C-alpha atoms as a PDB file:
ATOM      1  CA  MET A   1     104.322 144.532  40.540  1.00  0.00           C
ATOM      2  CA  SER A   2     104.802 142.273  37.382  1.00  0.00           C
ATOM      3  CA  GLU A   3     101.894 140.278  35.420  1.00  0.00           C
ATOM      4  CA  SER A   4     102.064 137.402  34.939  1.00  0.00           C
ATOM      5  CA  GLN A   5     102.998 136.292  31.438  1.00  0.00           C
ATOM      6  CA  PRO A   6     100.194 134.317  29.360  1.00  0.00           C
ATOM      7  CA  SER A   7     100.256 131.139  28.328  1.00  0.00           C
ATOM      8  CA  SER A   8     101.875 130.703  24.871  1.00  0.00           C
ATOM      9  CA  PRO A   9      99.805 129.896  21.847  1.00  0.00           C
ATOM     10  CA  THR A  10     100.845 126.480  21.522  1.00  0.00           C
ATOM     11  CA  GLU A  11     100.423 125.190  25.504  1.00  0.00           C
ATOM     12  CA  SER A  12      96.867 127.181  25.720  1.00  0.00           C
ATOM     13  CA  GLN A  13      95.649 124.666  22.070  1.00  0.00           C
ATOM     14  CA  ARG A  14      96.850 121.891  23.833  1.00  0.00           C
ATOM     15  CA  ARG A  15      95.187 122.051  27.124  1.00  0.00           C
ATOM     16  CA  SER A  16      91.858 122.832  24.957  1.00  0.00           C
ATOM     17  CA  ASN A  17      92.297 119.995  23.222  1.00  0.00           C
ATOM     18  CA  GLU A  18      93.113 117.572  25.932  1.00  0.00           C
ATOM     19  CA  ILE A  19      90.522 114.751  26.579  1.00  0.00           C
ATOM     20  CA  SER A  20      90.199 113.709  30.625  1.00  0.00           C
ATOM     21  CA  HIS A  21      86.810 112.191  31.465  1.00  0.00           C
ATOM     22  CA  PRO A  22      88.160 110.572  34.903  1.00  0.00           C
ATOM     23  CA  VAL A  23      84.970 109.678  36.266  1.00  0.00           C
ATOM     24  CA  PHE A  24      83.625 108.513  32.944  1.00  0.00           C
ATOM     25  CA  ALA A  25      86.541 106.641  32.586  1.00  0.00           C
ATOM     26  CA  ALA A  26      86.428 104.737  36.425  1.00  0.00           C
ATOM     27  CA  LEU A  27      82.618 104.059  35.753  1.00  0.00           C
ATOM     28  CA  TYR A  28      82.836 103.302  32.015  1.00  0.00           C
ATOM     29  CA  ASP A  29      83.763  99.233  33.294  1.00  0.00           C
ATOM     30  CA  ARG A  30      80.673  98.442  34.821  1.00  0.00           C
ATOM     31  CA  LEU A  31      77.949 100.437  32.050  1.00  0.00           C
ATOM     32  CA  PRO A  32      76.070  97.827  31.088  1.00  0.00           C
ATOM     33  CA  GLY A  33      76.458  99.113  27.326  1.00  0.00           C
ATOM     34  CA  ASP A  34      79.721  97.619  27.208  1.00  0.00           C
ATOM     35  CA  GLN A  35      78.552  93.781  27.732  1.00  0.00           C
ATOM     36  CA  MET A  36      75.989  94.125  25.447  1.00  0.00           C
ATOM     37  CA  LEU A  37      78.666  94.825  22.647  1.00  0.00           C
ATOM     38  CA  GLU A  38      79.958  91.247  23.781  1.00  0.00           C
ATOM     39  CA  PRO A  39      78.622  89.562  20.874  1.00  0.00           C
ATOM     40  CA  HIS A  40      79.418  92.551  18.445  1.00  0.00           C
ATOM     41  CA  HIS A  41      83.725  91.836  19.400  1.00  0.00           C
ATOM     42  CA  GLU A  42      83.669  89.107  17.667  1.00  0.00           C
ATOM     43  CA  TYR A  43      82.247  90.084  14.765  1.00  0.00           C
ATOM     44  CA  LEU A  44      85.170  92.717  15.128  1.00  0.00           C
ATOM     45  CA  ALA A  45      87.715  90.149  15.902  1.00  0.00           C
ATOM     46  CA  ALA A  46      86.829  87.285  13.238  1.00  0.00           C
ATOM     47  CA  ASP A  47      89.674  86.105  10.927  1.00  0.00           C
ATOM     48  CA  LEU A  48      92.719  88.886  12.256  1.00  0.00           C
ATOM     49  CA  SER A  49      95.984  89.061  11.029  1.00  0.00           C
ATOM     50  CA  GLY A  50      98.800  91.434  10.340  1.00  0.00           C
ATOM     51  CA  ARG A  51      98.990  94.315  11.695  1.00  0.00           C
ATOM     52  CA  VAL A  52      95.515  95.258  13.180  1.00  0.00           C
ATOM     53  CA  LEU A  53      94.503  98.968  15.291  1.00  0.00           C
ATOM     54  CA  ASP A  54      91.817  99.512  18.563  1.00  0.00           C
ATOM     55  CA  LEU A  55      90.874 102.639  17.615  1.00  0.00           C
ATOM     56  CA  GLY A  56      90.394 104.736  20.157  1.00  0.00           C
ATOM     57  CA  ALA A  57      90.494 101.627  22.724  1.00  0.00           C
ATOM     58  CA  GLY A  58      88.722 102.923  25.320  1.00  0.00           C
ATOM     59  CA  THR A  59      89.490 100.873  28.723  1.00  0.00           C
ATOM     60  CA  GLY A  60      90.255  97.474  26.401  1.00  0.00           C
ATOM     61  CA  ALA A  61      87.115  96.408  25.779  1.00  0.00           C
ATOM     62  CA  LEU A  62      87.729  94.376  22.872  1.00  0.00           C
ATOM     63  CA  PHE A  63      90.854  92.958  24.105  1.00  0.00           C
ATOM     64  CA  PRO A  64      89.648  89.598  25.896  1.00  0.00           C
ATOM     65  CA  THR A  65      87.879  88.875  22.381  1.00  0.00           C
ATOM     66  CA  VAL A  66      91.277  89.918  20.491  1.00  0.00           C
ATOM     67  CA  LEU A  67      93.312  87.430  22.823  1.00  0.00           C
ATOM     68  CA  GLU A  68      91.079  84.793  21.861  1.00  0.00           C
ATOM     69  CA  ALA A  69      91.271  85.021  18.552  1.00  0.00           C
ATOM     70  CA  VAL A  70      95.610  85.353  18.785  1.00  0.00           C
ATOM     71  CA  GLU A  71      95.356  82.259  20.735  1.00  0.00           C
ATOM     72  CA  GLY A  72      93.267  80.047  18.721  1.00  0.00           C
ATOM     73  CA  GLY A  73      94.205  81.349  14.984  1.00  0.00           C
ATOM     74  CA  THR A  74      97.537  80.190  13.018  1.00  0.00           C
ATOM     75  CA  ARG A  75      97.810  83.433  11.205  1.00  0.00           C
ATOM     76  CA  GLU A  76     100.160  86.192  13.380  1.00  0.00           C
ATOM     77  CA  LEU A  77      98.976  89.552  14.074  1.00  0.00           C
ATOM     78  CA  GLU A  78     100.391  92.428  15.702  1.00  0.00           C
ATOM     79  CA  TYR A  79      98.008  94.792  17.489  1.00  0.00           C
ATOM     80  CA  HIS A  80      98.148  98.129  18.300  1.00  0.00           C
ATOM     81  CA  ALA A  81      96.056 100.359  19.906  1.00  0.00           C
ATOM     82  CA  VAL A  82      94.932 103.972  20.658  1.00  0.00           C
ATOM     83  CA  GLU A  83      93.484 106.277  22.845  1.00  0.00           C
ATOM     84  CA  PRO A  84      93.984 109.835  23.755  1.00  0.00           C
ATOM     85  CA  ASP A  85      91.981 109.895  27.321  1.00  0.00           C
ATOM     86  CA  PRO A  86      94.489 109.412  29.868  1.00  0.00           C
ATOM     87  CA  HIS A  87      92.495 108.098  32.370  1.00  0.00           C
ATOM     88  CA  MET A  88      91.067 105.485  29.493  1.00  0.00           C
ATOM     89  CA  ARG A  89      94.605 104.048  28.615  1.00  0.00           C
ATOM     90  CA  ARG A  90      96.018 103.477  32.094  1.00  0.00           C
ATOM     91  CA  ARG A  91      93.268 100.865  32.128  1.00  0.00           C
ATOM     92  CA  ALA A  92      93.328  99.686  28.997  1.00  0.00           C
ATOM     93  CA  GLU A  93      97.498  98.915  29.816  1.00  0.00           C
ATOM     94  CA  GLN A  94      96.232  97.372  33.161  1.00  0.00           C
ATOM     95  CA  ARG A  95      94.071  95.108  31.184  1.00  0.00           C
ATOM     96  CA  ALA A  96      96.610  94.495  28.659  1.00  0.00           C
ATOM     97  CA  ALA A  97      98.616  93.606  31.967  1.00  0.00           C
ATOM     98  CA  ASP A  98      96.314  91.266  33.478  1.00  0.00           C
ATOM     99  CA  LEU A  99      95.496  89.523  30.431  1.00  0.00           C
ATOM    100  CA  GLY A 100      98.825  88.813  29.141  1.00  0.00           C
ATOM    101  CA  LEU A 101      98.013  90.683  25.328  1.00  0.00           C
ATOM    102  CA  ALA A 102     101.160  92.005  23.722  1.00  0.00           C
ATOM    103  CA  VAL A 103      99.246  95.252  22.619  1.00  0.00           C
ATOM    104  CA  ASP A 104     101.200  98.337  22.030  1.00  0.00           C
ATOM    105  CA  VAL A 105      98.911 100.744  23.441  1.00  0.00           C
ATOM    106  CA  ARG A 106      99.764 105.158  22.722  1.00  0.00           C
ATOM    107  CA  ASP A 107      98.253 108.252  23.413  1.00  0.00           C
ATOM    108  CA  GLY A 108      96.677 109.673  20.082  1.00  0.00           C
ATOM    109  CA  ARG A 109      93.729 111.091  18.495  1.00  0.00           C
ATOM    110  CA  ALA A 110      91.951 109.651  15.717  1.00  0.00           C
ATOM    111  CA  GLU A 111      92.238 113.093  13.837  1.00  0.00           C
ATOM    112  CA  ALA A 112      95.738 112.781  13.972  1.00  0.00           C
ATOM    113  CA  LEU A 113      97.048 109.172  14.102  1.00  0.00           C
ATOM    114  CA  PRO A 114     100.332 108.198  15.523  1.00  0.00           C
ATOM    115  CA  TYR A 115     101.277 105.801  12.374  1.00  0.00           C
ATOM    116  CA  PRO A 116     102.847 106.159   8.954  1.00  0.00           C
ATOM    117  CA  ASP A 117     100.553 105.362   5.624  1.00  0.00           C
ATOM    118  CA  ASP A 118      99.839 102.310   4.679  1.00  0.00           C
ATOM    119  CA  THR A 119     100.714 100.926   8.146  1.00  0.00           C
ATOM    120  CA  PHE A 120      97.373  98.318   8.442  1.00  0.00           C
ATOM    121  CA  GLU A 121      95.743  95.287   7.540  1.00  0.00           C
ATOM    122  CA  TYR A 122      92.580  96.253   9.766  1.00  0.00           C
ATOM    123  CA  VAL A 123      91.767  99.151  12.187  1.00  0.00           C
ATOM    124  CA  LEU A 124      88.259  98.133  14.484  1.00  0.00           C
ATOM    125  CA  ALA A 125      85.984 100.711  15.777  1.00  0.00           C
ATOM    126  CA  SER A 126      83.086 100.073  18.556  1.00  0.00           C
ATOM    127  CA  VAL A 127      81.598 102.647  19.931  1.00  0.00           C
ATOM    128  CA  VAL A 128      83.951 105.620  18.847  1.00  0.00           C
ATOM    129  CA  PHE A 129      82.993 107.556  16.056  1.00  0.00           C
ATOM    130  CA  CYS A 130      80.442 109.671  18.866  1.00  0.00           C
ATOM    131  CA  THR A 131      82.721 110.682  21.072  1.00  0.00           C
ATOM    132  CA  ILE A 132      86.061 111.862  18.081  1.00  0.00           C
ATOM    133  CA  GLU A 133      85.869 115.958  17.707  1.00  0.00           C
ATOM    134  CA  ASP A 134      86.009 115.675  14.375  1.00  0.00           C
ATOM    135  CA  PRO A 135      84.560 112.415  12.323  1.00  0.00           C
ATOM    136  CA  ASP A 136      85.229 113.372   8.910  1.00  0.00           C
ATOM    137  CA  ALA A 137      89.093 114.177   9.274  1.00  0.00           C
ATOM    138  CA  ALA A 138      89.620 110.632  11.602  1.00  0.00           C
ATOM    139  CA  LEU A 139      88.416 108.919   8.630  1.00  0.00           C
ATOM    140  CA  GLU A 140      90.568 110.581   6.543  1.00  0.00           C
ATOM    141  CA  GLU A 141      92.821 109.361   8.991  1.00  0.00           C
ATOM    142  CA  VAL A 142      91.732 105.213   9.045  1.00  0.00           C
ATOM    143  CA  ALA A 143      91.726 105.676   5.227  1.00  0.00           C
ATOM    144  CA  ARG A 144      95.430 106.836   5.437  1.00  0.00           C
ATOM    145  CA  VAL A 145      96.986 104.283   7.575  1.00  0.00           C
ATOM    146  CA  LEU A 146      95.102 101.281   6.379  1.00  0.00           C
ATOM    147  CA  LYS A 147      96.626  99.221   3.121  1.00  0.00           C
ATOM    148  CA  PRO A 148      95.137  99.095   0.065  1.00  0.00           C
ATOM    149  CA  GLY A 149      92.620  95.417   0.348  1.00  0.00           C
ATOM    150  CA  GLY A 150      92.804  96.849   4.019  1.00  0.00           C
ATOM    151  CA  GLU A 151      89.264  96.605   6.277  1.00  0.00           C
ATOM    152  CA  PHE A 152      87.277  99.260   8.360  1.00  0.00           C
ATOM    153  CA  ARG A 153      85.162  96.668  10.745  1.00  0.00           C
ATOM    154  CA  PHE A 154      82.925  99.256  12.811  1.00  0.00           C
ATOM    155  CA  VAL A 155      79.681  98.668  15.896  1.00  0.00           C
ATOM    156  CA  GLU A 156      78.930 102.095  16.028  1.00  0.00           C
ATOM    157  CA  HIS A 157      75.528 104.054  17.556  1.00  0.00           C
ATOM    158  CA  VAL A 158      73.603 106.554  15.033  1.00  0.00           C
ATOM    159  CA  HIS A 159      71.347 108.972  14.483  1.00  0.00           C
ATOM    160  CA  ALA A 160      67.734 107.738  14.886  1.00  0.00           C
ATOM    161  CA  ASP A 161      64.133 108.263  12.660  1.00  0.00           C
ATOM    162  CA  GLY A 162      61.216 109.852  13.445  1.00  0.00           C
ATOM    163  CA  TRP A 163      60.297 111.660  16.464  1.00  0.00           C
ATOM    164  CA  ARG A 164      63.067 109.488  18.179  1.00  0.00           C
ATOM    165  CA  ALA A 165      65.763 111.639  16.220  1.00  0.00           C
ATOM    166  CA  THR A 166      63.933 114.975  17.805  1.00  0.00           C
ATOM    167  CA  ALA A 167      64.532 113.894  20.906  1.00  0.00           C
ATOM    168  CA  GLN A 168      68.079 113.189  20.143  1.00  0.00           C
ATOM    169  CA  ASP A 169      69.072 115.927  18.821  1.00  0.00           C
ATOM    170  CA  VAL A 170      67.093 117.327  22.650  1.00  0.00           C
ATOM    171  CA  LEU A 171      68.800 115.485  24.677  1.00  0.00           C
ATOM    172  CA  ASN A 172      72.287 115.671  22.940  1.00  0.00           C
ATOM    173  CA  PRO A 173      74.072 118.188  24.947  1.00  0.00           C
ATOM    174  CA  LEU A 174      73.053 116.668  28.362  1.00  0.00           C
ATOM    175  CA  TRP A 175      74.077 113.166  26.726  1.00  0.00           C
ATOM    176  CA  GLU A 176      77.314 114.799  25.634  1.00  0.00           C
ATOM    177  CA  ARG A 177      78.048 116.154  29.440  1.00  0.00           C
ATOM    178  CA  ALA A 178      77.520 112.914  31.422  1.00  0.00           C
ATOM    179  CA  ALA A 179      78.730 110.235  28.520  1.00  0.00           C
ATOM    180  CA  GLY A 180      82.482 111.448  28.120  1.00  0.00           C
ATOM    181  CA  GLY A 181      81.384 113.595  25.145  1.00  0.00           C
ATOM    182  CA  CYS A 182      79.152 110.893  23.248  1.00  0.00           C
ATOM    183  CA  GLN A 183      77.319 112.607  20.674  1.00  0.00           C
ATOM    184  CA  LEU A 184      73.719 111.026  19.833  1.00  0.00           C
ATOM    185  CA  ASN A 185      73.040 112.281  16.541  1.00  0.00           C
ATOM    186  CA  ARG A 186      75.687 111.763  14.992  1.00  0.00           C
ATOM    187  CA  GLU A 187      75.097 110.396  11.337  1.00  0.00           C
ATOM    188  CA  THR A 188      77.868 108.025  10.866  1.00  0.00           C
ATOM    189  CA  LEU A 189      76.793 105.361   9.032  1.00  0.00           C
ATOM    190  CA  GLU A 190      76.403 108.307   5.571  1.00  0.00           C
ATOM    191  CA  ARG A 191      79.675 109.342   6.647  1.00  0.00           C
ATOM    192  CA  PHE A 192      81.275 105.866   5.830  1.00  0.00           C
ATOM    193  CA  VAL A 193      79.958 104.294   3.080  1.00  0.00           C
ATOM    194  CA  GLY A 194      79.640 107.939   1.425  1.00  0.00           C
ATOM    195  CA  HIS A 195      83.640 107.851   1.482  1.00  0.00           C
ATOM    196  CA  GLU A 196      85.437 108.185  -1.629  1.00  0.00           C
ATOM    197  CA  ALA A 197      88.452 105.751  -0.395  1.00  0.00           C
ATOM    198  CA  PHE A 198      86.267 102.609   0.044  1.00  0.00           C
ATOM    199  CA  ASP A 199      84.320 100.086  -1.091  1.00  0.00           C
ATOM    200  CA  VAL A 200      81.234  98.689   1.064  1.00  0.00           C
ATOM    201  CA  LEU A 201      81.520  94.984   1.757  1.00  0.00           C
ATOM    202  CA  GLU A 202      78.503  94.787   4.195  1.00  0.00           C
ATOM    203  CA  VAL A 203      76.504  96.933   6.661  1.00  0.00           C
ATOM    204  CA  GLU A 204      74.156  95.432   8.781  1.00  0.00           C
ATOM    205  CA  ARG A 205      71.358  97.356  11.503  1.00  0.00           C
ATOM    206  CA  LEU A 206      71.042  95.973  14.441  1.00  0.00           C
ATOM    207  CA  SER A 207      68.781  95.549  16.901  1.00  0.00           C
ATOM    208  CA  LEU A 208      70.524  96.974  19.798  1.00  0.00           C
ATOM    209  CA  GLY A 209      70.745  99.510  22.424  1.00  0.00           C
ATOM    210  CA  VAL A 210      68.286 101.296  24.705  1.00  0.00           C
ATOM    211  CA  PHE A 211      66.766 104.917  23.727  1.00  0.00           C
ATOM    212  CA  PRO A 212      68.343 107.270  23.421  1.00  0.00           C
ATOM    213  CA  ALA A 213      71.553 106.092  22.483  1.00  0.00           C
ATOM    214  CA  THR A 214      70.261 103.311  19.194  1.00  0.00           C
ATOM    215  CA  PRO A 215      70.143 102.692  17.029  1.00  0.00           C
ATOM    216  CA  PHE A 216      73.632 100.467  16.600  1.00  0.00           C
ATOM    217  CA  VAL A 217      75.221  99.446  13.048  1.00  0.00           C
ATOM    218  CA  ARG A 218      78.008  97.691  12.141  1.00  0.00           C
ATOM    219  CA  GLY A 219      80.072  96.936   8.559  1.00  0.00           C
ATOM    220  CA  ARG A 220      83.044  96.336   6.767  1.00  0.00           C
ATOM    221  CA  LEU A 221      84.384  98.439   4.602  1.00  0.00           C
ATOM    222  CA  GLN A 222      87.753  98.130   2.260  1.00  0.00           C
ATOM    223  CA  ARG A 223      90.384 100.301   1.736  1.00  0.00           C
ATOM    224  CA  ARG A 224      90.210 100.298  -2.424  1.00  0.00           C
ATOM    225  CA  ARG A 225      93.317  99.520  -4.471  1.00  0.00           C
ATOM    226  CA  SER A 226      93.387 101.196  -7.439  1.00  0.00           C
ATOM    227  CA  GLU A 227      92.214 104.786  -6.046  1.00  0.00           C
ATOM    228  CA  PRO A 228      95.000 106.895  -4.279  1.00  0.00           C
ATOM    229  CA  LEU A 229      94.025 109.084  -1.709  1.00  0.00           C
ATOM    230  CA  SER A 230      93.684 113.138  -2.031  1.00  0.00           C
ATOM    231  CA  ARG A 231      96.551 114.995   0.245  1.00  0.00           C
ATOM    232  CA  SER A 232      95.775 118.075   1.363  1.00  0.00           C
END
């Protein structure tokens, strides 16, 4: 009897890299965190123009605020969104259709964005870098697709201090499984402000969130004009 052939390495790698959390996607819009962040969505969407990328759009939580910015603004806006989880992406596409929002929603990971260099005036991230498998590679991609002088805007929860940080480290394995891969103990802010491709425009610590997913920070970084990105 002949043995079945194993999957090719390419197919195995593709399957191992798939991001799929159907239960979390179904429950996501009912979680309190989305409503808690709504005031900060206005921060991310203020005075947008040109090409804009919503990084890790999830179920489209930013879409209503961006639509308000589009309808109330005087500048043209071309809106794109990338989301690797097919269950989240379908919900985002449906939300855009319900709102009547023109948005190009694509499948893709933050570590390998499906866009050319220097494409966007703005990249927006709302509680995204806690779930990305390789946040350093993702930040390199943000810098790559932003035009020189473009803005990276973010609202993210980060590693706490003191006993809360220790507790986050202990809870993280369980939290990661329950919350769609979310990491409690990412040093996200240090990663952002320390990157050589960006100048810091502003950073603010927020009185927001409930332990263990707290504290939150928000801010704006600008892609430097004078220093070209290194290519590996």
